[in-house]
Each structure stands twice: as structure tokens, then as C-alpha cells.
C-alpha atoms as a PDB file:
ATOM      1  CA  MET A   1       0.000   0.000   0.000  1.00  0.00           C
ATOM      2  CA  SER A   2       1.811   3.129  -1.215  1.00  0.00           C
ATOM      3  CA  SER A   3      -0.718   5.549   0.261  1.00  0.00           C
ATOM      4  CA  PHE A   4      -3.689   5.258   2.589  1.00  0.00           C
ATOM      5  CA  ARG A   5      -6.452   7.336   4.138  1.00  0.00           C
ATOM      6  CA  ALA A   6      -6.154   8.847   7.584  1.00  0.00           C
ATOM      7  CA  PHE A   7      -8.421  11.032   9.701  1.00  0.00           C
ATOM      8  CA  ARG A   8      -5.847  13.655  10.646  1.00  0.00           C
ATOM      9  CA  ILE A   9      -6.094  16.426  13.227  1.00  0.00           C
ATOM     10  CA  ASN A  10      -4.285  19.674  12.469  1.00  0.00           C
ATOM     11  CA  GLN A  11      -4.050  22.943  14.356  1.00  0.00           C
ATOM     12  CA  VAL A  12      -5.183  26.041  12.474  1.00  0.00           C
ATOM     13  CA  GLU A  13      -4.970  29.355  14.332  1.00  0.00           C
ATOM     14  CA  LYS A  14      -5.000  27.514  17.680  1.00  0.00           C
ATOM     15  CA  ASN A  15      -8.112  25.532  16.684  1.00  0.00           C
ATOM     16  CA  SER A  16      -8.207  21.784  16.013  1.00  0.00           C
ATOM     17  CA  VAL A  17      -9.341  20.924  12.503  1.00  0.00           C
ATOM     18  CA  ALA A  18      -9.815  17.277  11.485  1.00  0.00           C
ATOM     19  CA  ASP A  19     -10.359  15.809   8.027  1.00  0.00           C
ATOM     20  CA  PHE A  20      -9.342  12.909   5.819  1.00  0.00           C
ATOM     21  CA  GLU A  21      -5.911  13.030   4.198  1.00  0.00           C
ATOM     22  CA  ASP A  22      -3.785  10.693   2.094  1.00  0.00           C
ATOM     23  CA  MET A  23      -0.587   9.583   3.806  1.00  0.00           C
ATOM     24  CA  THR A  24       2.341   7.203   3.440  1.00  0.00           C
ATOM     25  CA  VAL A  25       3.986   5.131   6.160  1.00  0.00           C
ATOM     26  CA  ASP A  26       6.973   7.469   6.188  1.00  0.00           C
ATOM     27  CA  GLY A  27       4.663  10.257   7.357  1.00  0.00           C
ATOM     28  CA  LEU A  28       3.597   8.385  10.495  1.00  0.00           C
ATOM     29  CA  THR A  29       5.135   8.823  13.924  1.00  0.00           C
ATOM     30  CA  ALA A  30       7.947   6.408  14.743  1.00  0.00           C
ATOM     31  CA  GLY A  31       7.375   2.825  15.818  1.00  0.00           C
ATOM     32  CA  GLU A  32       8.585  -0.727  15.289  1.00  0.00           C
ATOM     33  CA  VAL A  33       5.286  -2.321  14.207  1.00  0.00           C
ATOM     34  CA  VAL A  34       3.294  -1.402  11.090  1.00  0.00           C
ATOM     35  CA  ILE A  35      -0.338  -2.527  11.242  1.00  0.00           C
ATOM     36  CA  SER A  36      -3.093  -2.774   8.665  1.00  0.00           C
ATOM     37  CA  VAL A  37      -5.954  -1.343  10.726  1.00  0.00           C
ATOM     38  CA  LYS A  38      -9.307  -3.128  10.520  1.00  0.00           C
ATOM     39  CA  TRP A  39     -11.349  -1.710  13.407  1.00  0.00           C
ATOM     40  CA  SER A  40     -11.401   1.167  15.841  1.00  0.00           C
ATOM     41  CA  GLY A  41     -14.017   2.729  18.103  1.00  0.00           C
ATOM     42  CA  ILE A  42     -15.129   6.059  19.512  1.00  0.00           C
ATOM     43  CA  ASN A  43     -14.214   7.083  23.027  1.00  0.00           C
ATOM     44  CA  PHE A  44     -15.139  10.442  24.533  1.00  0.00           C
ATOM     45  CA  LYS A  45     -11.453  11.298  24.402  1.00  0.00           C
ATOM     46  CA  ASP A  46     -11.560  10.785  20.626  1.00  0.00           C
ATOM     47  CA  VAL A  47     -14.455  13.217  20.371  1.00  0.00           C
ATOM     48  CA  LEU A  48     -12.645  15.873  22.386  1.00  0.00           C
ATOM     49  CA  ALA A  49      -9.516  15.472  20.268  1.00  0.00           C
ATOM     50  CA  ALA A  50     -11.231  15.552  16.875  1.00  0.00           C
ATOM     51  CA  THR A  51     -13.540  18.472  17.657  1.00  0.00           C
ATOM     52  CA  GLY A  52     -11.079  20.509  19.682  1.00  0.00           C
ATOM     53  CA  SER A  53     -13.484  20.477  22.630  1.00  0.00           C
ATOM     54  CA  GLY A  54     -10.692  19.339  24.925  1.00  0.00           C
ATOM     55  CA  LYS A  55      -6.912  19.594  24.877  1.00  0.00           C
ATOM     56  CA  ILE A  56      -5.912  16.009  24.107  1.00  0.00           C
ATOM     57  CA  LEU A  57      -3.176  16.217  21.483  1.00  0.00           C
ATOM     58  CA  ARG A  58       0.231  17.205  22.784  1.00  0.00           C
ATOM     59  CA  GLN A  59       1.566  17.774  19.292  1.00  0.00           C
ATOM     60  CA  TYR A  60       0.153  18.441  15.830  1.00  0.00           C
ATOM     61  CA  PRO A  61      -0.662  17.031  13.400  1.00  0.00           C
ATOM     62  CA  LEU A  62      -1.697  13.536  14.490  1.00  0.00           C
ATOM     63  CA  ASN A  63      -4.135  10.907  13.295  1.00  0.00           C
ATOM     64  CA  GLY A  64      -7.080  10.550  15.671  1.00  0.00           C
ATOM     65  CA  GLY A  65      -8.215   7.368  17.395  1.00  0.00           C
ATOM     66  CA  ILE A  66      -6.840   6.092  20.709  1.00  0.00           C
ATOM     67  CA  ASP A  67      -7.657   2.443  19.849  1.00  0.00           C
ATOM     68  CA  LEU A  68      -7.087   0.083  16.939  1.00  0.00           C
ATOM     69  CA  SER A  69      -7.060  -3.573  15.983  1.00  0.00           C
ATOM     70  CA  GLY A  70      -5.646  -5.129  12.863  1.00  0.00           C
ATOM     71  CA  VAL A  71      -2.999  -7.313  11.268  1.00  0.00           C
ATOM     72  CA  VAL A  72       0.766  -6.801  11.409  1.00  0.00           C
ATOM     73  CA  MET A  73       2.220  -5.849   8.017  1.00  0.00           C
ATOM     74  CA  ASN A  74       5.857  -5.748   9.105  1.00  0.00           C
ATOM     75  CA  SER A  75       7.810  -5.406  12.319  1.00  0.00           C
ATOM     76  CA  THR A  76      11.353  -4.800  13.500  1.00  0.00           C
ATOM     77  CA  ASP A  77      10.274  -6.002  16.953  1.00  0.00           C
ATOM     78  CA  ASN A  78      10.825  -9.768  17.028  1.00  0.00           C
ATOM     79  CA  ARG A  79       7.808 -10.266  19.303  1.00  0.00           C
ATOM     80  CA  PHE A  80       5.543  -9.684  16.289  1.00  0.00           C
ATOM     81  CA  LYS A  81       5.524 -11.001  12.752  1.00  0.00           C
ATOM     82  CA  PRO A  82       3.500 -10.301   9.588  1.00  0.00           C
ATOM     83  CA  GLY A  83       0.036 -11.783   9.830  1.00  0.00           C
ATOM     84  CA  ASP A  84      -0.280 -11.506  13.618  1.00  0.00           C
ATOM     85  CA  GLU A  85      -3.648 -10.208  14.794  1.00  0.00           C
ATOM     86  CA  VAL A  86      -3.062  -7.467  17.342  1.00  0.00           C
ATOM     87  CA  LEU A  87      -4.637  -4.546  19.159  1.00  0.00           C
ATOM     88  CA  VAL A  88      -3.448  -1.282  20.641  1.00  0.00           C
ATOM     89  CA  ALA A  89      -5.489   0.640  23.195  1.00  0.00           C
ATOM     90  CA  GLY A  90      -4.456   3.956  24.680  1.00  0.00           C
ATOM     91  CA  CYS A  91      -0.670   4.034  24.964  1.00  0.00           C
ATOM     92  CA  GLY A  92      -0.474   7.645  23.801  1.00  0.00           C
ATOM     93  CA  LEU A  93      -2.234   7.175  20.474  1.00  0.00           C
ATOM     94  CA  SER A  94      -3.787  10.452  19.303  1.00  0.00           C
ATOM     95  CA  GLU A  95      -1.893  12.259  22.063  1.00  0.00           C
ATOM     96  CA  THR A  96       1.786  11.891  21.256  1.00  0.00           C
ATOM     97  CA  ALA A  97       1.594   9.364  18.386  1.00  0.00           C
ATOM     98  CA  ASP A  98      -0.550   8.791  15.311  1.00  0.00           C
ATOM     99  CA  GLY A  99      -3.693   6.884  16.206  1.00  0.00           C
ATOM    100  CA  GLY A 100      -6.058   4.270  14.861  1.00  0.00           C
ATOM    101  CA  TYR A 101      -8.212   6.398  12.572  1.00  0.00           C
ATOM    102  CA  ALA A 102      -6.124   5.398   9.580  1.00  0.00           C
ATOM    103  CA  GLU A 103      -5.879   2.430   7.265  1.00  0.00           C
ATOM    104  CA  VAL A 104      -2.273   1.944   8.408  1.00  0.00           C
ATOM    105  CA  ALA A 105      -0.697   2.643  11.789  1.00  0.00           C
ATOM    106  CA  ARG A 106       2.897   2.495  12.976  1.00  0.00           C
ATOM    107  CA  VAL A 107       3.270   1.999  16.724  1.00  0.00           C
ATOM    108  CA  LYS A 108       5.861   1.123  19.320  1.00  0.00           C
ATOM    109  CA  GLY A 109       6.211  -2.565  20.030  1.00  0.00           C
ATOM    110  CA  ASP A 110       5.672  -2.083  23.763  1.00  0.00           C
ATOM    111  CA  CYS A 111       2.144  -0.828  23.021  1.00  0.00           C
ATOM    112  CA  VAL A 112       1.068  -3.812  20.940  1.00  0.00           C
ATOM    113  CA  VAL A 113      -0.994  -6.641  22.443  1.00  0.00           C
ATOM    114  CA  VAL A 114      -1.417  -9.942  20.634  1.00  0.00           C
ATOM    115  CA  LEU A 115      -5.150 -10.500  20.169  1.00  0.00           C
ATOM    116  CA  PRO A 116      -6.285 -12.467  23.243  1.00  0.00           C
ATOM    117  CA  GLU A 117      -7.842 -15.882  22.845  1.00  0.00           C
ATOM    118  CA  GLY A 118     -11.607 -15.535  22.965  1.00  0.00           C
ATOM    119  CA  LEU A 119     -11.752 -12.177  21.167  1.00  0.00           C
ATOM    120  CA  SER A 120     -12.046 -11.273  17.495  1.00  0.00           C
ATOM    121  CA  LEU A 121     -10.536  -8.095  16.077  1.00  0.00           C
ATOM    122  CA  LYS A 122     -14.029  -6.613  15.984  1.00  0.00           C
ATOM    123  CA  GLU A 123     -14.845  -7.616  19.575  1.00  0.00           C
ATOM    124  CA  SER A 124     -11.571  -6.167  20.828  1.00  0.00           C
ATOM    125  CA  MET A 125     -12.669  -2.761  19.540  1.00  0.00           C
ATOM    126  CA  ALA A 126     -16.196  -3.223  20.829  1.00  0.00           C
ATOM    127  CA  LEU A 127     -14.337  -3.211  24.143  1.00  0.00           C
ATOM    128  CA  GLY A 128     -11.470  -0.830  23.366  1.00  0.00           C
ATOM    129  CA  THR A 129     -10.094   1.469  26.014  1.00  0.00           C
ATOM    130  CA  ALA A 130     -13.570   1.686  27.562  1.00  0.00           C
ATOM    131  CA  GLY A 131     -13.755  -2.060  28.179  1.00  0.00           C
ATOM    132  CA  PHE A 132     -10.150  -2.263  29.284  1.00  0.00           C
ATOM    133  CA  THR A 133     -10.706   0.555  31.776  1.00  0.00           C
ATOM    134  CA  ALA A 134     -13.884  -1.011  33.157  1.00  0.00           C
ATOM    135  CA  ALA A 135     -12.165  -4.368  33.596  1.00  0.00           C
ATOM    136  CA  MET A 136      -9.174  -2.783  35.291  1.00  0.00           C
ATOM    137  CA  ALA A 137     -11.470  -0.895  37.669  1.00  0.00           C
ATOM    138  CA  VAL A 138     -13.173  -4.125  38.749  1.00  0.00           C
ATOM    139  CA  ALA A 139      -9.847  -5.938  39.033  1.00  0.00           C
ATOM    140  CA  ARG A 140      -8.315  -3.216  41.212  1.00  0.00           C
ATOM    141  CA  MET A 141     -11.383  -3.037  43.436  1.00  0.00           C
ATOM    142  CA  GLU A 142     -11.313  -6.786  43.995  1.00  0.00           C
ATOM    143  CA  THR A 143      -7.577  -6.796  44.589  1.00  0.00           C
ATOM    144  CA  ASN A 144      -8.325  -4.283  47.314  1.00  0.00           C
ATOM    145  CA  GLY A 145     -10.873  -6.613  48.894  1.00  0.00           C
ATOM    146  CA  GLN A 146     -14.201  -5.764  47.213  1.00  0.00           C
ATOM    147  CA  THR A 147     -16.797  -8.564  47.225  1.00  0.00           C
ATOM    148  CA  PRO A 148     -20.506  -8.780  46.393  1.00  0.00           C
ATOM    149  CA  ASP A 149     -21.250  -9.255  50.103  1.00  0.00           C
ATOM    150  CA  ASP A 150     -20.002  -5.709  50.799  1.00  0.00           C
ATOM    151  CA  GLY A 151     -23.118  -4.185  49.258  1.00  0.00           C
ATOM    152  CA  PRO A 152     -24.305  -2.654  45.996  1.00  0.00           C
ATOM    153  CA  ILE A 153     -21.946  -1.005  43.522  1.00  0.00           C
ATOM    154  CA  VAL A 154     -23.076   2.285  41.996  1.00  0.00           C
ATOM    155  CA  VAL A 155     -21.858   3.062  38.469  1.00  0.00           C
ATOM    156  CA  THR A 156     -21.981   6.682  37.325  1.00  0.00           C
ATOM    157  CA  GLY A 157     -22.054   7.601  33.653  1.00  0.00           C
ATOM    158  CA  ALA A 158     -23.872   4.312  33.345  1.00  0.00           C
ATOM    159  CA  THR A 159     -24.909   4.535  29.688  1.00  0.00           C
ATOM    160  CA  GLY A 160     -21.430   5.329  28.379  1.00  0.00           C
ATOM    161  CA  GLY A 161     -18.958   2.746  27.151  1.00  0.00           C
ATOM    162  CA  VAL A 162     -17.085   2.344  30.436  1.00  0.00           C
ATOM    163  CA  GLY A 163     -20.272   2.408  32.497  1.00  0.00           C
ATOM    164  CA  SER A 164     -22.097  -0.095  30.302  1.00  0.00           C
ATOM    165  CA  ILE A 165     -19.252  -2.595  30.329  1.00  0.00           C
ATOM    166  CA  ALA A 166     -18.626  -2.139  34.060  1.00  0.00           C
ATOM    167  CA  ILE A 167     -22.290  -2.912  34.785  1.00  0.00           C
ATOM    168  CA  ASP A 168     -22.143  -6.053  32.646  1.00  0.00           C
ATOM    169  CA  ILE A 169     -18.936  -7.321  34.277  1.00  0.00           C
ATOM    170  CA  LEU A 170     -20.048  -6.529  37.836  1.00  0.00           C
ATOM    171  CA  ALA A 171     -23.490  -8.113  37.430  1.00  0.00           C
ATOM    172  CA  ALA A 172     -21.939 -11.277  35.989  1.00  0.00           C
ATOM    173  CA  LYS A 173     -19.710 -11.516  39.055  1.00  0.00           C
ATOM    174  CA  GLY A 174     -22.698 -11.399  41.374  1.00  0.00           C
ATOM    175  CA  TYR A 175     -22.737  -7.747  42.417  1.00  0.00           C
ATOM    176  CA  GLN A 176     -25.955  -5.798  42.828  1.00  0.00           C
ATOM    177  CA  VAL A 177     -25.497  -2.818  40.506  1.00  0.00           C
ATOM    178  CA  THR A 178     -27.162   0.582  40.700  1.00  0.00           C
ATOM    179  CA  ALA A 179     -26.997   2.734  37.559  1.00  0.00           C
ATOM    180  CA  PHE A 180     -26.517   6.470  38.112  1.00  0.00           C
ATOM    181  CA  THR A 181     -27.861   8.211  34.997  1.00  0.00           C
ATOM    182  CA  GLY A 182     -30.026  11.026  33.777  1.00  0.00           C
ATOM    183  CA  LYS A 183     -31.325   9.022  30.816  1.00  0.00           C
ATOM    184  CA  LYS A 184     -34.613   7.482  31.925  1.00  0.00           C
ATOM    185  CA  ASP A 185     -35.242   6.256  28.388  1.00  0.00           C
ATOM    186  CA  GLN A 186     -32.227   3.931  28.724  1.00  0.00           C
ATOM    187  CA  HIS A 187     -33.353   2.018  31.819  1.00  0.00           C
ATOM    188  CA  ASP A 188     -34.371  -1.017  29.739  1.00  0.00           C
ATOM    189  CA  TYR A 189     -30.936  -1.029  28.070  1.00  0.00           C
ATOM    190  CA  LEU A 190     -29.208  -0.905  31.456  1.00  0.00           C
ATOM    191  CA  LYS A 191     -31.451  -3.636  32.869  1.00  0.00           C
ATOM    192  CA  GLN A 192     -30.375  -5.901  29.990  1.00  0.00           C
ATOM    193  CA  LEU A 193     -26.769  -5.393  31.084  1.00  0.00           C
ATOM    194  CA  GLY A 194     -27.531  -6.246  34.710  1.00  0.00           C
ATOM    195  CA  ALA A 195     -28.461  -3.037  36.531  1.00  0.00           C
ATOM    196  CA  SER A 196     -31.171  -3.639  39.132  1.00  0.00           C
ATOM    197  CA  GLU A 197     -31.650  -0.149  40.590  1.00  0.00           C
ATOM    198  CA  PHE A 198     -31.487   3.401  39.189  1.00  0.00           C
ATOM    199  CA  ILE A 199     -30.660   6.873  40.467  1.00  0.00           C
ATOM    200  CA  ASP A 200     -31.626   9.991  38.519  1.00  0.00           C
ATOM    201  CA  ARG A 201     -28.576  12.211  38.570  1.00  0.00           C
ATOM    202  CA  HIS A 202     -30.748  15.268  37.897  1.00  0.00           C
ATOM    203  CA  THR A 203     -32.833  14.954  41.058  1.00  0.00           C
ATOM    204  CA  ILE A 204     -30.678  13.301  43.700  1.00  0.00           C
ATOM    205  CA  GLU A 205     -29.911  15.248  46.863  1.00  0.00           C
ATOM    206  CA  MET A 206     -26.215  14.735  47.574  1.00  0.00           C
ATOM    207  CA  GLY A 207     -25.975  16.565  50.882  1.00  0.00           C
ATOM    208  CA  ALA A 208     -22.959  18.501  52.100  1.00  0.00           C
ATOM    209  CA  ARG A 209     -21.862  16.887  55.371  1.00  0.00           C
ATOM    210  CA  PRO A 210     -18.367  15.371  55.541  1.00  0.00           C
ATOM    211  CA  LEU A 211     -20.047  11.954  55.949  1.00  0.00           C
ATOM    212  CA  GLU A 212     -23.527  11.038  54.741  1.00  0.00           C
ATOM    213  CA  SER A 213     -25.388   7.758  55.278  1.00  0.00           C
ATOM    214  CA  ALA A 214     -23.274   4.865  54.059  1.00  0.00           C
ATOM    215  CA  ILE A 215     -25.126   3.250  51.133  1.00  0.00           C
ATOM    216  CA  TRP A 216     -22.708   1.723  48.661  1.00  0.00           C
ATOM    217  CA  GLY A 217     -20.338  -1.184  48.907  1.00  0.00           C
ATOM    218  CA  GLY A 218     -18.265   0.582  46.257  1.00  0.00           C
ATOM    219  CA  ALA A 219     -18.444   2.677  43.112  1.00  0.00           C
ATOM    220  CA  VAL A 220     -17.170   3.021  39.562  1.00  0.00           C
ATOM    221  CA  ASP A 221     -17.131   6.729  38.770  1.00  0.00           C
ATOM    222  CA  ASN A 222     -16.934   8.366  35.358  1.00  0.00           C
ATOM    223  CA  ALA A 223     -18.003  11.819  36.516  1.00  0.00           C
ATOM    224  CA  GLY A 224     -15.560  13.347  38.971  1.00  0.00           C
ATOM    225  CA  GLY A 225     -16.482  16.688  40.545  1.00  0.00           C
ATOM    226  CA  GLU A 226     -19.409  16.820  42.948  1.00  0.00           C
ATOM    227  CA  THR A 227     -20.548  13.315  42.026  1.00  0.00           C
ATOM    228  CA  LEU A 228     -17.247  11.819  43.111  1.00  0.00           C
ATOM    229  CA  ALA A 229     -17.252  13.938  46.267  1.00  0.00           C
ATOM    230  CA  TRP A 230     -20.731  12.567  47.080  1.00  0.00           C
ATOM    231  CA  LEU A 231     -19.498   9.023  46.551  1.00  0.00           C
ATOM    232  CA  THR A 232     -16.674   9.493  49.043  1.00  0.00           C
ATOM    233  CA  ARG A 233     -19.308  10.533  51.611  1.00  0.00           C
ATOM    234  CA  THR A 234     -21.700   7.626  50.949  1.00  0.00           C
ATOM    235  CA  VAL A 235     -19.530   4.533  50.411  1.00  0.00           C
ATOM    236  CA  LYS A 236     -19.556   2.039  53.269  1.00  0.00           C
ATOM    237  CA  PRO A 237     -16.534   1.341  55.488  1.00  0.00           C
ATOM    238  CA  TRP A 238     -13.685  -0.324  53.604  1.00  0.00           C
ATOM    239  CA  GLY A 239     -15.412   0.184  50.263  1.00  0.00           C
ATOM    240  CA  ASN A 240     -13.585   1.101  47.064  1.00  0.00           C
ATOM    241  CA  ILE A 241     -14.197   3.867  44.544  1.00  0.00           C
ATOM    242  CA  ALA A 242     -12.621   3.447  41.112  1.00  0.00           C
ATOM    243  CA  SER A 243     -12.116   6.933  39.671  1.00  0.00           C
ATOM    244  CA  ILE A 244     -12.088   6.822  35.874  1.00  0.00           C
ATOM    245  CA  GLY A 245     -13.459  10.017  34.337  1.00  0.00           C
ATOM    246  CA  LEU A 246     -14.190  13.704  34.711  1.00  0.00           C
ATOM    247  CA  VAL A 247     -17.351  14.285  32.694  1.00  0.00           C
ATOM    248  CA  ASP A 248     -18.665  16.576  35.459  1.00  0.00           C
ATOM    249  CA  ASP A 249     -15.435  18.214  36.599  1.00  0.00           C
ATOM    250  CA  TYR A 250     -11.767  17.517  37.192  1.00  0.00           C
ATOM    251  CA  LYS A 251     -11.894  19.154  40.619  1.00  0.00           C
ATOM    252  CA  LEU A 252     -12.635  17.187  43.798  1.00  0.00           C
ATOM    253  CA  ASN A 253     -13.908  18.942  46.914  1.00  0.00           C
ATOM    254  CA  THR A 254     -14.005  16.494  49.801  1.00  0.00           C
ATOM    255  CA  THR A 255     -12.515  15.905  53.259  1.00  0.00           C
ATOM    256  CA  VAL A 256     -10.282  13.259  54.779  1.00  0.00           C
ATOM    257  CA  MET A 257     -13.193  11.960  56.870  1.00  0.00           C
ATOM    258  CA  PRO A 258     -14.263   9.109  54.538  1.00  0.00           C
ATOM    259  CA  PHE A 259     -10.687   7.872  54.340  1.00  0.00           C
ATOM    260  CA  ILE A 260      -9.665   8.026  57.989  1.00  0.00           C
ATOM    261  CA  LEU A 261     -13.028   7.251  59.624  1.00  0.00           C
ATOM    262  CA  ARG A 262     -14.469   4.713  57.151  1.00  0.00           C
ATOM    263  CA  GLY A 263     -11.327   3.433  55.491  1.00  0.00           C
ATOM    264  CA  VAL A 264     -12.708   4.200  52.019  1.00  0.00           C
ATOM    265  CA  SER A 265     -10.186   3.676  49.203  1.00  0.00           C
ATOM    266  CA  LEU A 266     -10.071   5.995  46.195  1.00  0.00           C
ATOM    267  CA  LEU A 267      -8.434   4.073  43.340  1.00  0.00           C
ATOM    268  CA  GLY A 268      -7.154   5.984  40.324  1.00  0.00           C
ATOM    269  CA  ILE A 269      -7.605   4.090  37.051  1.00  0.00           C
ATOM    270  CA  ASN A 270      -5.078   4.966  34.347  1.00  0.00           C
ATOM    271  CA  SER A 271      -5.348   2.906  31.173  1.00  0.00           C
ATOM    272  CA  ILE A 272      -2.169   4.276  29.571  1.00  0.00           C
ATOM    273  CA  GLU A 273       0.812   3.942  31.892  1.00  0.00           C
ATOM    274  CA  MET A 274       1.174   0.512  33.448  1.00  0.00           C
ATOM    275  CA  PRO A 275       3.502  -2.506  33.397  1.00  0.00           C
ATOM    276  CA  ASP A 276       3.132  -4.729  30.319  1.00  0.00           C
ATOM    277  CA  HIS A 277       2.185  -7.772  32.383  1.00  0.00           C
ATOM    278  CA  ILE A 278      -0.828  -5.935  33.835  1.00  0.00           C
ATOM    279  CA  ARG A 279      -1.992  -4.755  30.415  1.00  0.00           C
ATOM    280  CA  ASN A 280      -1.706  -8.271  28.998  1.00  0.00           C
ATOM    281  CA  GLN A 281      -3.398  -9.811  32.041  1.00  0.00           C
ATOM    282  CA  ILE A 282      -6.423  -7.497  31.784  1.00  0.00           C
ATOM    283  CA  TRP A 283      -6.808  -8.097  28.056  1.00  0.00           C
ATOM    284  CA  SER A 284      -6.563 -11.853  28.553  1.00  0.00           C
ATOM    285  CA  SER A 285      -9.313 -11.684  31.168  1.00  0.00           C
ATOM    286  CA  LEU A 286     -11.519  -9.725  28.743  1.00  0.00           C
ATOM    287  CA  GLY A 287     -11.337 -12.666  26.367  1.00  0.00           C
ATOM    288  CA  ALA A 288     -12.253 -15.083  29.145  1.00  0.00           C
ATOM    289  CA  GLU A 289     -13.858 -14.628  32.575  1.00  0.00           C
ATOM    290  CA  LEU A 290     -14.449 -10.860  32.265  1.00  0.00           C
ATOM    291  CA  LYS A 291     -15.794 -10.891  28.715  1.00  0.00           C
ATOM    292  CA  PRO A 292     -19.109  -9.006  28.818  1.00  0.00           C
ATOM    293  CA  ARG A 293     -22.131 -11.237  28.304  1.00  0.00           C
ATOM    294  CA  HIS A 294     -24.043  -8.560  26.404  1.00  0.00           C
ATOM    295  CA  LEU A 295     -21.350  -7.122  24.155  1.00  0.00           C
ATOM    296  CA  ASP A 296     -23.678  -7.167  21.144  1.00  0.00           C
ATOM    297  CA  ASN A 297     -26.134  -4.987  23.082  1.00  0.00           C
ATOM    298  CA  ILE A 298     -23.406  -2.635  24.258  1.00  0.00           C
ATOM    299  CA  VAL A 299     -22.367  -1.969  20.639  1.00  0.00           C
ATOM    300  CA  THR A 300     -25.237   0.302  19.680  1.00  0.00           C
ATOM    301  CA  ARG A 301     -23.782   1.601  16.431  1.00  0.00           C
ATOM    302  CA  GLU A 302     -21.354   0.497  13.726  1.00  0.00           C
ATOM    303  CA  ILE A 303     -20.174   3.049  11.180  1.00  0.00           C
ATOM    304  CA  ALA A 304     -17.944   3.115   8.137  1.00  0.00           C
ATOM    305  CA  PHE A 305     -14.641   4.974   8.294  1.00  0.00           C
ATOM    306  CA  GLU A 306     -15.870   7.668   5.910  1.00  0.00           C
ATOM    307  CA  ASP A 307     -18.787   8.470   8.247  1.00  0.00           C
ATOM    308  CA  LEU A 308     -16.587   9.051  11.283  1.00  0.00           C
ATOM    309  CA  ALA A 309     -16.825  12.850  11.484  1.00  0.00           C
ATOM    310  CA  ASP A 310     -20.634  12.768  11.536  1.00  0.00           C
ATOM    311  CA  ALA A 311     -20.699  10.597  14.686  1.00  0.00           C
ATOM    312  CA  PHE A 312     -19.141  13.031  17.156  1.00  0.00           C
ATOM    313  CA  ASP A 313     -22.104  15.350  17.754  1.00  0.00           C
ATOM    314  CA  ASP A 314     -24.083  12.655  19.562  1.00  0.00           C
ATOM    315  CA  TYR A 315     -21.300  12.442  22.139  1.00  0.00           C
ATOM    316  CA  LEU A 316     -21.104  16.189  22.622  1.00  0.00           C
ATOM    317  CA  ASN A 317     -24.852  16.571  23.147  1.00  0.00           C
ATOM    318  CA  GLY A 318     -25.079  13.492  25.385  1.00  0.00           C
ATOM    319  CA  SER A 319     -27.495  11.521  23.215  1.00  0.00           C
ATOM    320  CA  HIS A 320     -25.282   8.489  22.605  1.00  0.00           C
ATOM    321  CA  HIS A 321     -25.161   5.338  24.709  1.00  0.00           C
ATOM    322  CA  GLY A 322     -23.059   2.207  24.605  1.00  0.00           C
ATOM    323  CA  ARG A 323     -20.196   1.771  22.169  1.00  0.00           C
ATOM    324  CA  THR A 324     -19.689   2.894  18.573  1.00  0.00           C
ATOM    325  CA  LEU A 325     -17.551   0.671  16.331  1.00  0.00           C
ATOM    326  CA  VAL A 326     -15.656   2.121  13.381  1.00  0.00           C
ATOM    327  CA  LYS A 327     -14.906  -0.228  10.496  1.00  0.00           C
ATOM    328  CA  ILE A 328     -11.699   1.100   9.002  1.00  0.00           C
ATOM    329  CA  GLN A 329     -11.359  -1.444   6.183  1.00  0.00           C
ATOM    330  CA  ASP A 330     -12.095  -5.077   5.272  1.00  0.00           C
END
């Protein structure tokens, strides 16, 4: 392939401008593994990067897309050979390196994961960074002692990719799951995934005391801000909160009371920087015991590569739910 299409993000007068361009491999950021990209997906981070709604890229220009799956074309890293099916999720794609919104990607060998047994290339992108993050949140909570007997787990941002997959995984493991969402029209969708209770984020009274009534065994939080502060005040003694996102706010106004009087643990979930063995372990589990039972339901939309730019508005206005798959090429 002498040239290929890429969805490239440039900076024009301090504004991000994204469009399709023709590229060659020599124009890609450095890496040891060249991949023919088959699938990608849309994460909220991708939307922020492509639309300029958030400062994601640390250099310009770059191809968008923080996730990809495909087939190795060539490699100078002896861990991979032509024909290997692989995936890359996070690892600085579309931040410091060209990402997965391109028919060809060149990435560092340390970022590449051999496709786990139990997953297809398409399924790996149905999961993507969202699924990886959800699985890592559950794994870290359980490593820190979380069990279904500790009480219900509340999942904020429940209809998003991370929230949807977290609900599915938690329910399959026997947890009672409460979905925290403002989308009443999506209750049936969330019930299919395993949610048994619902909280309307628009009407809940969060209180302001350093400690409120202890309700939750633990939490998976995609919101940050006041929602996360409320969770610290309402999680039961020795419960865990996995902090993943900042849809509400990046600031956190709380006290030390939940931590020193209830022993609550606030666990930061970073899907980018971690030892290789942890990344590989989480992906292996997503092809086996943590593979969501309702992945087909969680993928609510599949689009062609050329339709990518038209899909971002639904994320910005909050009307999307579940995961969007992007078919890059056959």
C-alpha cells in the first residue's frame, strides 16, 4: 500500500481541525510495528480530540483514534511477525503518536498486544479502552478486597462505554449494581446489562456533610467533581471507589473523613501507563472470565470509516449510549 487514508487532526490558528488526508507510512510517527488497521471505536477522548473540545493532542498534526485492531504488516520487533492479529489501546495514540483512525498505523512494540484468545478483532474494539478501563477498575477493586457481600456497587455515567461494560462485568460476578444516569429512556438497556436499581442524577440530593449515610459497597465513577465527592461521603466502610473520568469536573472537593473514619479507598484508574504484564493480564481476562455477556447490546452503532466525522455530535450533546464501532477497512 503506497498511500492510505487517515483522519488527521491539524491545528489552524489555535483551533483543532480534522479531516481525511492521504498519507504514506513514512509520514507516520515512529514505531517498530506497522499494522493494517481493521477496526477502531469512539471514546469520549476521541471526540474531544477531533472536535477541539478538549486539549488532548500534545503535538500536531496527528491521526485521531486512541484504539485500533488489525494485522501486522511488518515489524522490526521480534515479538511480532506479519500476519499476527493485534490490538493497541491507549498508549499515547492520538496524544503523542498517530492513532487508529487510519488504514495503516505504525506503533511502538511495547504498546502492541497480541489479540487475546476468545476475542475477534471486531470484539476487541467493541471493548477498546472503555472495556479495558472497566475491567481494570473491577480488578483493582477486587484486589483491594471488594466482594458482592459488601453491598451494591453504583456506576456513574452508566450509559457510556465504560459504564455499560462495568455494569455487565459486575453483574456477571454477582454484584448488585445501581446505575446512576439522567437518561430514563435507557433504563431497559441498562437492565439488559444487569443493573437492578437506578438513580436519577438530575434529582438526587447529595448533601454537604463530611459523611452522609453509608449506602454503597463501592463505586465506579466516570463523573468526577461533585458526584465523586458525594461518593466518598456515601460509600460504606472499607469500600472502594474506582475513579475513571471527569465528565462533570476535574476538581474534587471532599474531606479526609471518609478515608480516615471509614477506610474508604479511592483508586485511580489509568489505562495508559502501566507494566506490560498488567496490560496483557487485563486483556486476557476480557477474552475469558471478564468478557461481557451482552457485548452485542453494548455496541449500539457500527459506522464506516468515511462516516466518522458525523458521529461526534451525539457524544457532545449526550445523546449516545453504549459503544460505537468504526470499520476502518475489510
